[in-house]
């Protein structure tokens, strides 16, 4: 059944709802090797016992050692929980929450990508509600009395923006991914350590960068009540990515001097943070509605799905967003905004993503895209025919 009129009628509601959710206002520390200062940050905050959470891969690479050494130097006790997987589940959340409670952690240090940081949000909430099983901590909105346990976020990639977003994606007991908005999330510090992104393959750097770009662009064009500082951060995120991501991919990425690479990666970390702010304050849009649906249907990695859908959606919205596209072009110092995005995708090799979309799946995908779009305040509301038109562009 076509839900176009309903979606069009309520399309500004998500923006009003999200503005009613209290947002984290963390301090930010950035720089190459910045995670080595976490012990000092914890000592200054008065924490005596913390839980360090990371995933198995980063643990095997020893990336948490600089954190543990700084905690030891500061005289702070810690416990390590390194069992987070790429798609965290209820049993993983249960184990992490138990580790936090057994160690009497006063703060959680989350080292990793979106999966680690999202897991830590739910763990930090669960510690404050020990009487509730983890499986009931995943409603659309989770109100945490008195705020969550404090969390220090240390993102290992420059893309998701999860270090600051109030949402968390976790696989529920039925095996389905669900997104929860935490009301009372207490992120006290974000540590942007560009050293953590240095050894990522260029393909990962590119996919994460395009994801962050989509957050910032969709923030700029979103039909929500405009805030000057949020708009500035989103446009600055777009500028930083257009200028710095090409330096880290392709032939340039293989030969960039260390000093320039450190600066470029630091800029990408900052842009990802701005993208997270855009998700919190301006929401996403149809790029994400399509990417979420295609990713769920065909298990296409999120950054690839975003890269596949970015230009088709931006081109569809061009007439409605002309003024904002021109504003972004002027801010970023490029002649044409869409051409700059097209050139970036090509330079990063993200213009060659193979689409998994099949014609026989169109009707299912239309329903999925329409349902997901209800969560956003996009600049236009697509009807089913328009959603199908875009799917046809990418059908193999």
Protein backbone atom coordinates (compact mmCIF):
# COMPACT_ATOMS: atom_id res chain seq x y z
CA UNK A 1 0.00 0.00 0.00
CA UNK A 2 1.34 3.46 -0.94
CA UNK A 3 2.28 5.43 2.19
CA UNK A 4 3.35 8.56 0.33
CA UNK A 5 0.71 10.94 1.71
CA UNK A 6 1.30 9.79 5.27
CA UNK A 7 5.09 10.10 4.92
CA UNK A 8 4.79 13.51 3.30
CA UNK A 9 2.47 14.70 6.06
CA UNK A 10 4.81 13.71 8.91
CA UNK A 11 8.18 14.25 7.20
CA UNK A 12 9.21 17.04 9.58
CA UNK A 13 8.18 15.14 12.70
CA UNK A 14 11.45 13.15 13.13
CA UNK A 15 13.41 16.41 13.20
CA UNK A 16 11.19 17.77 15.96
CA UNK A 17 11.46 14.53 17.93
CA UNK A 18 15.25 14.32 17.73
CA UNK A 19 15.59 17.92 18.89
CA UNK A 20 13.79 16.92 22.08
CA UNK A 21 16.45 14.29 22.88
CA UNK A 22 19.31 15.57 25.09
CA UNK A 23 22.57 15.19 23.18
CA UNK A 24 26.05 14.36 24.49
CA UNK A 25 28.38 17.34 24.73
CA UNK A 26 31.77 15.68 25.13
CA UNK A 27 35.15 17.27 25.31
CA UNK A 28 37.27 16.41 22.29
CA UNK A 29 40.97 15.52 22.27
CA UNK A 30 42.59 14.94 18.89
CA UNK A 31 46.00 14.14 17.48
CA UNK A 32 48.27 11.34 16.36
CA UNK A 33 48.59 8.91 19.31
CA UNK A 34 46.07 10.88 21.38
CA UNK A 35 44.73 7.72 23.04
CA UNK A 36 47.92 7.72 25.09
CA UNK A 37 46.44 10.60 27.12
CA UNK A 38 43.36 8.69 28.27
CA UNK A 39 44.92 7.80 31.63
CA UNK A 40 45.39 11.50 32.37
CA UNK A 41 41.80 12.22 31.30
CA UNK A 42 40.47 9.51 33.61
CA UNK A 43 42.57 10.66 36.54
CA UNK A 44 41.37 14.25 36.05
CA UNK A 45 37.78 12.99 36.05
CA UNK A 46 38.33 11.05 39.26
CA UNK A 47 37.77 7.56 37.84
CA UNK A 48 39.52 4.81 39.79
CA UNK A 49 38.27 1.75 37.85
CA UNK A 50 37.36 1.59 34.16
CA UNK A 51 36.36 -1.01 31.58
CA UNK A 52 38.24 -0.93 28.27
CA UNK A 53 36.10 -2.39 25.47
CA UNK A 54 37.37 -3.26 22.00
CA UNK A 55 36.98 -5.94 19.32
CA UNK A 56 39.05 -9.04 18.71
CA UNK A 57 40.87 -7.66 15.67
CA UNK A 58 42.06 -4.46 17.34
CA UNK A 59 43.05 -6.46 20.42
CA UNK A 60 45.14 -8.84 18.30
CA UNK A 61 46.83 -5.80 16.76
CA UNK A 62 47.55 -4.48 20.25
CA UNK A 63 45.86 -1.14 19.67
CA UNK A 64 44.55 -0.94 23.23
CA UNK A 65 48.07 -1.19 24.75
CA UNK A 66 48.69 2.53 24.51
CA UNK A 67 45.48 3.06 26.49
CA UNK A 68 46.29 0.42 29.12
CA UNK A 69 49.81 1.80 29.57
CA UNK A 70 48.43 5.30 30.11
CA UNK A 71 45.91 3.97 32.65
CA UNK A 72 48.65 2.12 34.53
CA UNK A 73 50.83 5.24 34.54
CA UNK A 74 47.92 7.21 35.99
CA UNK A 75 47.31 4.61 38.71
CA UNK A 76 43.88 3.61 37.37
CA UNK A 77 42.66 0.03 37.55
CA UNK A 78 41.11 -1.41 34.42
CA UNK A 79 39.58 -4.55 32.99
CA UNK A 80 39.73 -5.43 29.28
CA UNK A 81 36.70 -6.77 27.40
CA UNK A 82 37.70 -7.62 23.82
CA UNK A 83 34.83 -9.82 22.67
CA UNK A 84 32.87 -7.36 20.51
CA UNK A 85 32.10 -8.73 17.04
CA UNK A 86 31.23 -6.98 13.79
CA UNK A 87 27.50 -7.36 14.42
CA UNK A 88 27.01 -7.25 18.21
CA UNK A 89 24.25 -9.41 19.67
CA UNK A 90 22.39 -9.66 22.97
CA UNK A 91 24.79 -12.30 24.41
CA UNK A 92 27.75 -9.98 23.68
CA UNK A 93 25.96 -7.08 25.37
CA UNK A 94 25.19 -9.34 28.35
CA UNK A 95 28.84 -10.34 28.69
CA UNK A 96 30.03 -6.74 28.45
CA UNK A 97 27.52 -5.55 31.01
CA UNK A 98 28.57 -8.33 33.40
CA UNK A 99 32.23 -7.35 32.96
CA UNK A 100 31.40 -3.71 33.75
CA UNK A 101 29.42 -4.60 36.87
CA UNK A 102 31.90 -7.19 38.16
CA UNK A 103 34.78 -4.74 37.82
CA UNK A 104 32.70 -1.89 39.33
CA UNK A 105 33.67 0.26 36.39
CA UNK A 106 33.07 3.98 36.79
CA UNK A 107 33.61 4.64 33.09
CA UNK A 108 33.70 2.68 29.84
CA UNK A 109 36.42 3.31 27.27
CA UNK A 110 35.21 2.27 23.82
CA UNK A 111 37.99 1.61 21.31
CA UNK A 112 36.79 0.58 17.86
CA UNK A 113 34.37 1.20 15.04
CA UNK A 114 30.61 1.61 15.09
CA UNK A 115 29.95 -1.90 16.45
CA UNK A 116 32.17 -1.37 19.50
CA UNK A 117 30.86 2.12 20.21
CA UNK A 118 27.21 1.13 19.77
CA UNK A 119 27.72 -1.90 22.03
CA UNK A 120 29.23 0.32 24.69
CA UNK A 121 26.22 2.63 24.60
CA UNK A 122 23.89 -0.26 25.43
CA UNK A 123 26.31 -1.68 28.01
CA UNK A 124 26.59 1.73 29.68
CA UNK A 125 22.81 1.96 29.81
CA UNK A 126 22.38 -1.59 31.05
CA UNK A 127 24.73 -1.09 34.00
CA UNK A 128 22.41 1.66 35.25
CA UNK A 129 19.40 -0.66 34.91
CA UNK A 130 20.70 -4.00 36.29
CA UNK A 131 17.17 -5.29 36.97
CA UNK A 132 16.37 -5.34 33.25
CA UNK A 133 17.59 -8.06 30.85
CA UNK A 134 19.59 -6.80 27.90
CA UNK A 135 16.97 -7.97 25.41
CA UNK A 136 14.53 -5.28 26.63
CA UNK A 137 17.10 -2.47 26.24
CA UNK A 138 16.45 -2.19 22.50
CA UNK A 139 13.18 -0.27 22.06
CA UNK A 140 12.93 2.63 19.59
CA UNK A 141 13.71 5.03 22.45
CA UNK A 142 15.46 3.94 25.66
CA UNK A 143 15.08 6.35 28.58
CA UNK A 144 17.99 5.86 31.00
CA UNK A 145 17.22 7.25 34.48
CA UNK A 146 20.07 9.45 35.67
CA UNK A 147 22.09 9.00 32.46
CA UNK A 148 24.25 6.09 31.38
CA UNK A 149 27.62 5.19 32.81
CA UNK A 150 30.17 7.71 31.45
CA UNK A 151 31.75 6.67 28.15
CA UNK A 152 35.00 7.78 26.51
CA UNK A 153 34.81 7.13 22.77
CA UNK A 154 37.94 6.31 20.77
CA UNK A 155 36.86 5.68 17.15
CA UNK A 156 39.22 3.51 15.11
CA UNK A 157 37.72 4.57 11.78
CA UNK A 158 36.76 7.94 10.29
CA UNK A 159 33.24 7.37 9.09
CA UNK A 160 30.35 6.24 11.27
CA UNK A 161 30.17 9.21 13.63
CA UNK A 162 29.00 6.72 16.28
CA UNK A 163 31.34 8.38 18.80
CA UNK A 164 28.74 11.08 19.32
CA UNK A 165 25.42 9.79 17.98
CA UNK A 166 22.63 8.88 20.40
CA UNK A 167 21.61 5.89 18.28
CA UNK A 168 22.90 2.34 18.63
CA UNK A 169 22.43 -0.59 16.22
CA UNK A 170 22.40 -4.05 17.81
CA UNK A 171 21.10 -7.41 16.57
CA UNK A 172 18.16 -8.48 18.74
CA UNK A 173 17.29 -11.97 19.96
CA UNK A 174 15.34 -12.64 16.75
CA UNK A 175 18.45 -12.02 14.66
CA UNK A 176 17.28 -8.67 13.29
CA UNK A 177 19.20 -5.43 13.52
CA UNK A 178 17.40 -2.76 15.50
CA UNK A 179 18.22 0.88 16.10
CA UNK A 180 17.73 2.35 19.57
CA UNK A 181 17.93 6.02 20.54
CA UNK A 182 19.36 6.43 24.03
CA UNK A 183 17.86 9.27 26.01
CA UNK A 184 20.50 10.01 28.64
CA UNK A 185 23.64 8.83 26.81
CA UNK A 186 26.64 10.23 28.66
CA UNK A 187 29.62 10.48 26.33
CA UNK A 188 32.07 12.56 28.37
CA UNK A 189 35.05 12.58 26.00
CA UNK A 190 35.86 11.77 22.38
CA UNK A 191 39.48 10.99 21.53
CA UNK A 192 40.22 11.37 17.81
CA UNK A 193 43.45 9.45 17.36
CA UNK A 194 44.45 9.53 13.69
CA UNK A 195 47.10 6.85 14.33
CA UNK A 196 44.31 4.27 14.57
CA UNK A 197 43.27 4.84 10.94
CA UNK A 198 46.77 4.58 9.44
CA UNK A 199 46.81 0.87 8.74
CA UNK A 200 43.31 0.60 7.31
CA UNK A 201 43.21 -0.60 3.68
CA UNK A 202 42.48 2.18 1.18
CA UNK A 203 39.14 0.56 0.38
CA UNK A 204 38.09 0.85 4.04
CA UNK A 205 39.34 4.43 4.28
CA UNK A 206 37.34 5.31 1.15
CA UNK A 207 34.14 3.56 2.25
CA UNK A 208 34.26 5.16 5.70
CA UNK A 209 34.99 8.56 4.20
CA UNK A 210 32.06 8.41 1.78
CA UNK A 211 29.79 7.36 4.66
CA UNK A 212 30.89 10.43 6.63
CA UNK A 213 30.38 12.58 3.54
CA UNK A 214 26.81 11.32 3.18
CA UNK A 215 26.08 12.19 6.83
CA UNK A 216 27.30 15.75 6.34
CA UNK A 217 25.54 16.29 2.99
CA UNK A 218 22.25 14.88 4.21
CA UNK A 219 22.56 17.09 7.27
CA UNK A 220 22.93 20.21 5.12
CA UNK A 221 19.91 19.44 2.91
CA UNK A 222 17.65 18.01 5.62
CA UNK A 223 14.31 19.74 6.15
CA UNK A 224 14.72 20.42 9.86
CA UNK A 225 14.82 23.63 11.84
CA UNK A 226 18.15 25.15 10.89
CA UNK A 227 20.86 25.86 13.47
CA UNK A 228 23.79 27.95 12.25
CA UNK A 229 26.49 26.03 14.13
CA UNK A 230 25.17 22.61 13.13
CA UNK A 231 25.00 23.78 9.52
CA UNK A 232 28.56 25.11 9.70
CA UNK A 233 29.88 21.80 11.05
CA UNK A 234 28.09 19.80 8.36
CA UNK A 235 29.43 22.00 5.57
CA UNK A 236 32.89 21.95 7.10
CA UNK A 237 32.69 18.15 7.16
CA UNK A 238 31.89 18.14 3.43
CA UNK A 239 34.82 20.47 2.72
CA UNK A 240 37.27 18.43 4.81
CA UNK A 241 36.31 15.19 3.07
CA UNK A 242 36.43 16.61 -0.46
CA UNK A 243 39.90 18.00 0.25
CA UNK A 244 41.43 15.18 2.28
CA UNK A 245 39.97 11.82 1.25
CA UNK A 246 41.61 11.88 -2.22
CA UNK A 247 44.99 12.29 -0.52
CA UNK A 248 44.52 8.97 1.28
CA UNK A 249 43.35 6.80 -1.63
CA UNK A 250 44.60 5.84 -5.07
CA UNK A 251 48.16 6.60 -6.12
CA UNK A 252 48.31 9.69 -3.92
CA UNK A 253 47.43 7.60 -0.88
CA UNK A 254 50.35 5.27 -1.54
CA UNK A 255 52.96 8.01 -1.75
CA UNK A 256 51.75 10.74 0.61
CA UNK A 257 54.49 11.86 3.05
CA UNK A 258 53.81 10.90 6.67
CA UNK A 259 53.39 14.49 7.84
CA UNK A 260 50.72 15.20 5.21
CA UNK A 261 49.04 11.84 5.83
CA UNK A 262 48.80 12.58 9.56
CA UNK A 263 47.16 15.93 8.84
CA UNK A 264 44.77 14.43 6.26
CA UNK A 265 43.75 11.59 8.56
CA UNK A 266 43.23 14.00 11.43
CA UNK A 267 40.96 16.08 9.22
CA UNK A 268 38.99 12.98 8.24
CA UNK A 269 38.50 12.07 11.92
CA UNK A 270 37.14 15.55 12.58
CA UNK A 271 34.86 15.34 9.55
CA UNK A 272 33.45 12.02 10.81
CA UNK A 273 32.68 13.65 14.16
CA UNK A 274 30.87 16.46 12.34
CA UNK A 275 28.95 13.80 10.44
CA UNK A 276 27.87 12.26 13.74
CA UNK A 277 26.65 15.65 14.88
CA UNK A 278 24.65 15.92 11.64
CA UNK A 279 22.94 12.60 12.37
CA UNK A 280 22.05 13.81 15.87
CA UNK A 281 20.74 17.23 14.91
CA UNK A 282 19.78 17.12 11.22
CA UNK A 283 19.15 13.41 10.60
CA UNK A 284 19.94 11.40 7.47
CA UNK A 285 17.82 11.01 4.33
CA UNK A 286 17.11 8.85 1.31
CA UNK A 287 20.75 7.95 0.69
CA UNK A 288 20.59 6.07 3.97
CA UNK A 289 17.06 4.78 3.43
CA UNK A 290 18.19 3.10 0.18
CA UNK A 291 21.56 2.00 1.60
CA UNK A 292 20.02 0.46 4.73
CA UNK A 293 17.47 -1.45 2.64
CA UNK A 294 19.95 -2.69 0.03
CA UNK A 295 22.50 -3.54 2.72
CA UNK A 296 19.95 -5.55 4.69
CA UNK A 297 18.61 -7.38 1.61
CA UNK A 298 21.92 -8.27 -0.02
CA UNK A 299 24.42 -7.94 2.87
CA UNK A 300 26.28 -5.21 1.01
CA UNK A 301 28.69 -3.38 3.39
CA UNK A 302 27.29 -0.04 4.49
CA UNK A 303 29.99 2.16 2.99
CA UNK A 304 29.60 0.44 -0.38
CA UNK A 305 25.81 0.78 -0.26
CA UNK A 306 26.16 4.49 0.55
CA UNK A 307 28.60 4.94 -2.35
CA UNK A 308 26.19 3.17 -4.70
CA UNK A 309 23.25 5.38 -3.73
CA UNK A 310 24.87 8.76 -3.12
CA UNK A 311 24.75 10.25 -6.63
CA UNK A 312 21.38 8.80 -7.71
CA UNK A 313 19.67 10.34 -4.68
CA UNK A 314 21.55 13.65 -4.82
CA UNK A 315 20.70 13.99 -8.51
CA UNK A 316 17.02 13.23 -7.85
CA UNK A 317 16.91 15.95 -5.17
CA UNK A 318 18.78 18.48 -7.30
CA UNK A 319 15.85 20.79 -8.11
CA UNK A 320 14.68 20.90 -4.48
CA UNK A 321 18.23 21.39 -3.12
CA UNK A 322 19.70 23.67 -5.76
CA UNK A 323 20.29 26.56 -3.36
CA UNK A 324 21.97 24.36 -0.75
CA UNK A 325 24.09 22.60 -3.38
CA UNK A 326 25.28 26.01 -4.57
CA UNK A 327 25.96 27.03 -0.98
CA UNK A 328 28.08 23.91 -0.41
CA UNK A 329 29.96 24.47 -3.67
CA UNK A 330 30.81 28.01 -2.63
CA UNK A 331 31.82 26.96 0.89
CA UNK A 332 34.03 24.13 -0.43
CA UNK A 333 35.54 26.22 -3.23
CA UNK A 334 34.39 23.99 -6.10
CA UNK A 335 32.61 25.08 -9.31
CA UNK A 336 29.85 22.46 -9.13
CA UNK A 337 28.90 20.46 -6.05
CA UNK A 338 27.58 17.33 -7.77
CA UNK A 339 30.57 17.19 -10.10
CA UNK A 340 32.88 17.43 -7.08
CA UNK A 341 31.11 14.47 -5.45
CA UNK A 342 31.25 12.50 -8.73
CA UNK A 343 34.98 13.22 -9.06
CA UNK A 344 35.61 12.18 -5.46
CA UNK A 345 33.84 8.85 -5.91
CA UNK A 346 35.91 8.19 -9.03
CA UNK A 347 39.21 9.17 -7.46
CA UNK A 348 38.53 6.95 -4.45
CA UNK A 349 37.45 4.02 -6.60
CA UNK A 350 33.97 4.04 -5.07
CA UNK A 351 32.26 4.68 -8.42
CA UNK A 352 32.73 1.05 -9.41
CA UNK A 353 30.57 -0.61 -6.75
CA UNK A 354 28.71 -3.54 -8.29
CA UNK A 355 24.99 -3.23 -7.63
CA UNK A 356 23.34 -6.39 -6.24
CA UNK A 357 19.81 -5.09 -6.91
CA UNK A 358 17.56 -7.40 -8.96
CA UNK A 359 14.37 -6.37 -10.70
CA UNK A 360 12.33 -9.09 -8.99
CA UNK A 361 13.20 -7.52 -5.62
CA UNK A 362 11.96 -4.02 -6.47
CA UNK A 363 8.58 -4.27 -4.76
CA UNK A 364 10.14 -5.55 -1.53
CA UNK A 365 12.82 -2.87 -1.62
CA UNK A 366 10.28 -0.10 -2.28
CA UNK A 367 8.47 -1.04 0.93
CA UNK A 368 11.75 -1.18 2.85
CA UNK A 369 12.95 2.21 1.58
CA UNK A 370 9.59 3.85 2.25
CA UNK A 371 9.50 2.44 5.79
CA UNK A 372 13.06 3.50 6.60
CA UNK A 373 12.52 7.01 5.22
CA UNK A 374 9.91 7.69 7.92
CA UNK A 375 12.83 8.08 10.35
CA UNK A 376 14.21 11.12 8.48
CA UNK A 377 13.27 14.65 7.42
CA UNK A 378 14.44 14.54 3.80
CA UNK A 379 14.12 17.62 1.56
CA UNK A 380 11.61 15.77 -0.64
CA UNK A 381 9.28 12.84 -0.02
CA UNK A 382 9.51 10.12 -2.67
CA UNK A 383 6.47 8.22 -3.82
CA UNK A 384 6.71 4.55 -4.78
CA UNK A 385 7.19 5.32 -8.48
CA UNK A 386 10.11 7.61 -7.73
CA UNK A 387 11.72 5.02 -5.45
CA UNK A 388 11.32 2.45 -8.23
CA UNK A 389 12.86 4.83 -10.79
CA UNK A 390 15.99 5.11 -8.67
CA UNK A 391 16.14 1.35 -8.12
CA UNK A 392 15.94 0.87 -11.88
CA UNK A 393 19.03 3.04 -12.31
CA UNK A 394 21.10 0.61 -10.27
CA UNK A 395 19.48 -2.68 -11.28
CA UNK A 396 21.94 -5.06 -12.88
